Amino acid sequence: MARRMADVVAALDVAVGPDPNDIRSLPRPEASWPAALDAARPPAKVAWSPTLGYAPLDDEVRTLCERAVRRFEDLGTEVVEIDSVFDADPVMDWLRLATSYNLRTLAPFRGTDDWAKVDPMLAAQVDWAAEHLTPLEVVRAHDACHRLNADLVALFHDVRLLVTPTCAAPPPPRDLDGEGVINGVRDANWARFTYPFNMTRSPAASVCVGRTSEGLPVGIQLVGPQHADLVVIRSAAALEAAIGFEERPSV
C-alpha cells in the first residue's frame, strides 16, 4: 500500500470501519490507528517460521529475513523458531477459491470479443474453474480455511506474532511470465507465504528488510491473531525503525 508504515496507517484510518453494504464489515476499533505508531514496539514473544513447514526458500531471502529477525531480539523480543505451522501447502484450496471468485466476476465476458483482453494466465484459470470446479470443492476449500485458522489459534496461545518471509524468492523478471527463481531454479509458486493468511483473514504486514545482490527488495511478513491489527502495526513500525528506512537501498 505504501513505503512507510505511517502512510499505511493513514490510509487504514480512512478506510477502516463498518459499511452497511458489506455484511462482513466490522465496527471501527475504539483505539486510534495513528496512535498505534506512538512508542511502537514488538510483543514480548514471536514465532519465526522460515518455511511454514512446506515452502522452499531462496538463500538470499533467508539471510536477509534472519538478519531482520535478529533485530527483534535486539528490541528485547524472544524469538522462537517454528519448523512447521501448517501440515501442507494449501495452494490448491486457495486456487479453488480464487478462481471461483474470478469466474463469478468474469463469466459474462467468456465467449465475447472482450475475452481476448483478459490476461492469458487469468483467462486460463477462469476457464479451468468453469470446466472443472465443482460446488463441493469450493465448500471444502472454505472448510480448509477454518482448519488453517485453527492451527493459528493454537500457535497464538504461546506467541503474539508469527514472522515469515513475505515471498520465497526475490521479485522475478518480467520475461519469466510470472514465475520466480528460488536458488537458481524456476518456480511458479514463489509467493507461497501470503495466501494462507488471505484464507484465514489474518492481519498481516510486510516490511522491506533489504535488497539482494541484484538490488531487488526482500520483505518479511508479520502475521497477527484475528483482529489484532494494532499488534501487527506496532510491530511492523518498530521493525521498520530498527532497520532504518534509509539503510535499505544500500544493502
Protein backbone atom coordinates (compact mmCIF):
# COMPACT_ATOMS: atom_id res chain seq x y z
CA MET A 1 0.00 0.00 0.00
CA ALA A 2 2.84 2.40 0.82
CA ARG A 3 6.58 2.55 1.51
CA ARG A 4 6.25 3.54 5.18
CA MET A 5 4.04 2.16 7.93
CA ALA A 6 2.93 5.70 8.82
CA ASP A 7 1.44 6.05 5.33
CA VAL A 8 -0.21 2.63 5.52
CA VAL A 9 -1.82 3.55 8.84
CA ALA A 10 -3.02 6.89 7.44
CA ALA A 11 -4.78 5.03 4.63
CA LEU A 12 -6.29 2.47 7.01
CA ASP A 13 -7.53 5.20 9.32
CA VAL A 14 -9.69 6.48 6.46
CA ALA A 15 -10.82 3.10 5.13
CA VAL A 16 -11.45 1.03 8.26
CA GLY A 17 -14.97 0.89 9.67
CA PRO A 18 -18.42 -0.59 9.14
CA ASP A 19 -20.26 -0.35 5.84
CA PRO A 20 -23.94 -1.35 5.63
CA ASN A 21 -23.32 -2.71 2.13
CA ASP A 22 -20.81 -5.27 3.45
CA ILE A 23 -22.31 -8.00 5.64
CA ARG A 24 -18.80 -8.94 6.85
CA SER A 25 -17.68 -5.45 7.86
CA LEU A 26 -16.69 -4.90 11.49
CA PRO A 27 -17.18 -1.96 13.86
CA ARG A 28 -14.39 0.58 13.88
CA PRO A 29 -11.87 -0.20 16.63
CA GLU A 30 -12.01 2.19 19.55
CA ALA A 31 -8.23 2.63 19.52
CA SER A 32 -6.71 5.18 17.17
CA TRP A 33 -4.75 3.66 14.32
CA PRO A 34 -2.23 6.53 14.06
CA ALA A 35 -1.76 6.44 17.84
CA ALA A 36 -0.55 2.85 17.47
CA LEU A 37 2.64 4.28 16.00
CA ASP A 38 3.44 6.19 19.19
CA ALA A 39 6.19 4.30 21.04
CA ALA A 40 5.76 1.40 18.59
CA ARG A 41 7.16 -1.86 19.90
CA PRO A 42 7.04 -5.58 19.13
CA PRO A 43 5.44 -8.07 21.54
CA ALA A 44 7.40 -9.97 24.16
CA LYS A 45 7.44 -13.22 22.16
CA VAL A 46 7.14 -14.03 18.45
CA ALA A 47 7.42 -17.17 16.33
CA TRP A 48 9.75 -17.21 13.33
CA SER A 49 8.91 -19.78 10.66
CA PRO A 50 11.18 -19.64 7.60
CA THR A 51 9.21 -22.29 5.65
CA LEU A 52 5.77 -22.68 7.34
CA GLY A 53 6.58 -26.40 7.05
CA TYR A 54 6.22 -26.72 3.28
CA ALA A 55 7.82 -23.83 1.39
CA PRO A 56 11.27 -23.76 -0.23
CA LEU A 57 13.16 -20.53 0.44
CA ASP A 58 15.80 -18.70 -1.55
CA ASP A 59 19.10 -18.45 0.35
CA GLU A 60 19.44 -14.69 -0.11
CA VAL A 61 15.89 -14.13 1.09
CA ARG A 62 16.54 -16.30 4.14
CA THR A 63 19.72 -14.40 5.03
CA LEU A 64 18.03 -11.01 4.87
CA CYS A 65 14.97 -12.21 6.83
CA GLU A 66 17.09 -13.85 9.52
CA ARG A 67 19.01 -10.60 9.94
CA ALA A 68 15.67 -8.80 10.46
CA VAL A 69 14.59 -11.41 12.99
CA ARG A 70 17.74 -10.64 14.98
CA ARG A 71 16.57 -7.01 15.10
CA PHE A 72 13.52 -8.25 17.01
CA GLU A 73 15.87 -9.85 19.51
CA ASP A 74 17.79 -6.56 19.77
CA LEU A 75 14.48 -4.94 20.74
CA GLY A 76 14.07 -7.40 23.61
CA THR A 77 11.66 -9.81 21.93
CA GLU A 78 12.01 -13.54 22.49
CA VAL A 79 12.08 -15.31 19.11
CA VAL A 80 11.05 -18.96 18.90
CA GLU A 81 11.76 -20.76 15.62
CA ILE A 82 8.89 -22.95 14.42
CA ASP A 83 9.60 -25.65 11.83
CA SER A 84 6.00 -26.19 10.79
CA VAL A 85 2.86 -24.08 11.08
CA PHE A 86 0.63 -25.93 8.60
CA ASP A 87 0.60 -29.61 7.61
CA ALA A 88 0.75 -28.91 3.88
CA ASP A 89 0.73 -26.16 1.28
CA PRO A 90 -2.92 -25.01 0.93
CA VAL A 91 -2.33 -23.74 -2.61
CA MET A 92 -4.98 -25.89 -4.29
CA ASP A 93 -7.71 -24.82 -1.86
CA TRP A 94 -6.66 -21.20 -2.34
CA LEU A 95 -6.77 -21.63 -6.12
CA ARG A 96 -10.24 -23.16 -5.92
CA LEU A 97 -11.47 -20.14 -4.01
CA ALA A 98 -9.64 -17.52 -6.07
CA THR A 99 -10.63 -18.99 -9.44
CA SER A 100 -14.26 -19.41 -8.39
CA TYR A 101 -14.41 -15.73 -7.37
CA ASN A 102 -12.76 -14.70 -10.64
CA LEU A 103 -15.19 -16.88 -12.58
CA ARG A 104 -18.11 -15.13 -10.91
CA THR A 105 -16.70 -11.76 -11.99
CA LEU A 106 -15.51 -12.62 -15.49
CA ALA A 107 -18.04 -15.23 -16.64
CA PRO A 108 -20.13 -12.66 -18.57
CA PHE A 109 -17.12 -11.92 -20.81
CA ARG A 110 -16.32 -15.52 -21.78
CA GLY A 111 -17.18 -16.14 -25.41
CA THR A 112 -17.19 -12.43 -26.26
CA ASP A 113 -14.67 -10.21 -28.05
CA ASP A 114 -13.68 -8.75 -24.68
CA TRP A 115 -12.32 -12.13 -23.55
CA ALA A 116 -9.22 -11.56 -25.69
CA LYS A 117 -8.38 -8.56 -23.48
CA VAL A 118 -8.10 -10.71 -20.33
CA ASP A 119 -4.60 -11.69 -19.22
CA PRO A 120 -3.93 -15.19 -20.69
CA MET A 121 -2.95 -16.73 -17.32
CA LEU A 122 -6.07 -15.33 -15.65
CA ALA A 123 -8.22 -16.46 -18.56
CA ALA A 124 -6.82 -20.00 -18.30
CA GLN A 125 -7.61 -20.11 -14.57
CA VAL A 126 -11.17 -18.91 -15.14
CA ASP A 127 -11.66 -21.43 -17.94
CA TRP A 128 -10.38 -24.19 -15.64
CA ALA A 129 -12.81 -23.16 -12.91
CA ALA A 130 -15.73 -23.09 -15.35
CA GLU A 131 -14.94 -26.51 -16.77
CA HIS A 132 -13.66 -28.46 -13.76
CA LEU A 133 -14.51 -26.84 -10.42
CA THR A 134 -17.49 -28.26 -8.51
CA PRO A 135 -19.57 -26.58 -5.77
CA LEU A 136 -18.48 -29.28 -3.30
CA GLU A 137 -14.83 -28.47 -3.92
CA VAL A 138 -15.46 -24.79 -3.20
CA VAL A 139 -17.21 -25.64 0.08
CA ARG A 140 -14.35 -27.93 1.08
CA ALA A 141 -11.89 -25.13 0.29
CA HIS A 142 -13.79 -22.93 2.76
CA ASP A 143 -13.51 -25.75 5.30
CA ALA A 144 -9.73 -25.70 4.74
CA CYS A 145 -9.69 -22.01 5.72
CA HIS A 146 -11.18 -22.92 9.09
CA ARG A 147 -8.61 -25.68 9.61
CA LEU A 148 -5.76 -23.29 8.85
CA ASN A 149 -7.20 -20.80 11.31
CA ALA A 150 -7.42 -23.50 14.00
CA ASP A 151 -3.69 -24.10 13.56
CA LEU A 152 -3.05 -20.38 14.06
CA VAL A 153 -5.27 -20.21 17.13
CA ALA A 154 -3.14 -22.95 18.71
CA LEU A 155 0.06 -21.14 17.74
CA PHE A 156 -1.09 -17.80 19.14
CA HIS A 157 -1.73 -19.33 22.54
CA ASP A 158 2.04 -19.16 23.05
CA VAL A 159 3.18 -16.20 20.92
CA ARG A 160 1.65 -12.91 19.91
CA LEU A 161 3.02 -12.70 16.36
CA LEU A 162 4.09 -15.03 13.55
CA VAL A 163 7.03 -13.92 11.38
CA THR A 164 7.70 -15.41 7.94
CA PRO A 165 9.35 -14.33 4.69
CA THR A 166 6.90 -12.41 2.53
CA CYS A 167 7.86 -14.38 -0.58
CA ALA A 168 10.05 -17.42 -1.21
CA ALA A 169 12.06 -15.61 -3.89
CA PRO A 170 13.00 -12.08 -4.92
CA PRO A 171 10.69 -10.33 -7.41
CA PRO A 172 11.02 -12.14 -10.76
CA PRO A 173 11.94 -10.58 -14.10
CA ARG A 174 9.06 -9.96 -16.49
CA ASP A 175 10.40 -12.39 -19.10
CA LEU A 176 9.64 -15.36 -16.79
CA ASP A 177 5.89 -14.81 -17.29
CA GLY A 178 5.11 -14.72 -13.58
CA GLU A 179 7.46 -17.48 -12.43
CA GLY A 180 10.07 -16.80 -9.76
CA VAL A 181 13.57 -18.16 -9.19
CA ILE A 182 14.45 -19.95 -5.94
CA ASN A 183 18.16 -20.70 -5.64
CA GLY A 184 18.56 -20.69 -9.41
CA VAL A 185 15.52 -22.90 -10.11
CA ARG A 186 12.38 -21.55 -11.76
CA ASP A 187 9.31 -21.93 -9.55
CA ALA A 188 5.78 -20.83 -10.43
CA ASN A 189 4.66 -20.65 -6.81
CA TRP A 190 7.21 -18.21 -5.39
CA ALA A 191 4.51 -16.43 -3.33
CA ARG A 192 3.83 -19.39 -1.04
CA PHE A 193 3.84 -17.40 2.20
CA THR A 194 0.97 -14.98 1.63
CA TYR A 195 -2.18 -16.81 0.55
CA PRO A 196 -2.59 -18.96 3.71
CA PHE A 197 -3.25 -15.74 5.62
CA ASN A 198 -5.62 -14.47 2.94
CA MET A 199 -7.54 -17.67 3.59
CA THR A 200 -7.62 -17.13 7.37
CA ARG A 201 -8.22 -13.36 7.05
CA SER A 202 -5.34 -12.75 9.41
CA PRO A 203 -3.96 -9.21 9.80
CA ALA A 204 -0.52 -9.09 8.21
CA ALA A 205 2.09 -6.56 7.17
CA SER A 206 5.20 -6.77 5.02
CA VAL A 207 8.32 -4.77 5.88
CA CYS A 208 11.24 -4.36 3.49
CA VAL A 209 14.33 -5.81 5.18
CA GLY A 210 16.93 -5.22 2.49
CA ARG A 211 17.93 -5.90 -1.08
CA THR A 212 19.52 -8.84 -2.84
CA SER A 213 22.90 -8.68 -4.57
CA GLU A 214 20.98 -7.63 -7.71
CA GLY A 215 19.23 -4.80 -5.86
CA LEU A 216 15.82 -6.47 -5.59
CA PRO A 217 13.75 -5.78 -2.45
CA VAL A 218 13.04 -8.52 0.08
CA GLY A 219 10.24 -8.40 2.62
CA ILE A 220 9.44 -10.05 5.91
CA GLN A 221 5.82 -10.77 6.84
CA LEU A 222 4.31 -10.17 10.28
CA VAL A 223 1.05 -12.04 10.95
CA GLY A 224 -1.17 -11.47 13.97
CA PRO A 225 -4.15 -13.19 15.58
CA GLN A 226 -7.67 -12.41 14.44
CA HIS A 227 -8.46 -8.69 14.81
CA ALA A 228 -5.02 -7.94 16.30
CA ASP A 229 -4.28 -5.35 13.62
CA LEU A 230 -2.76 -2.90 16.08
CA VAL A 231 -0.25 -5.51 17.29
CA VAL A 232 0.86 -6.02 13.70
CA ILE A 233 1.08 -2.27 13.06
CA ARG A 234 3.13 -1.58 16.20
CA SER A 235 5.49 -4.46 15.45
CA ALA A 236 5.94 -3.51 11.80
CA ALA A 237 6.62 0.12 12.71
CA ALA A 238 9.14 -0.91 15.38
CA LEU A 239 10.95 -3.21 12.96
CA GLU A 240 10.93 -0.56 10.24
CA ALA A 241 12.55 1.91 12.66
CA ALA A 242 15.10 -0.65 13.85
CA ILE A 243 16.16 -1.49 10.30
CA GLY A 244 16.33 2.16 9.31
CA PHE A 245 14.42 3.15 6.19
CA GLU A 246 17.37 4.93 4.59
CA GLU A 247 19.60 1.88 5.08
CA ARG A 248 17.60 -0.35 2.79
CA PRO A 249 18.68 0.86 -0.66
CA SER A 250 22.36 0.45 0.24
CA VAL A 251 22.09 -3.20 1.38
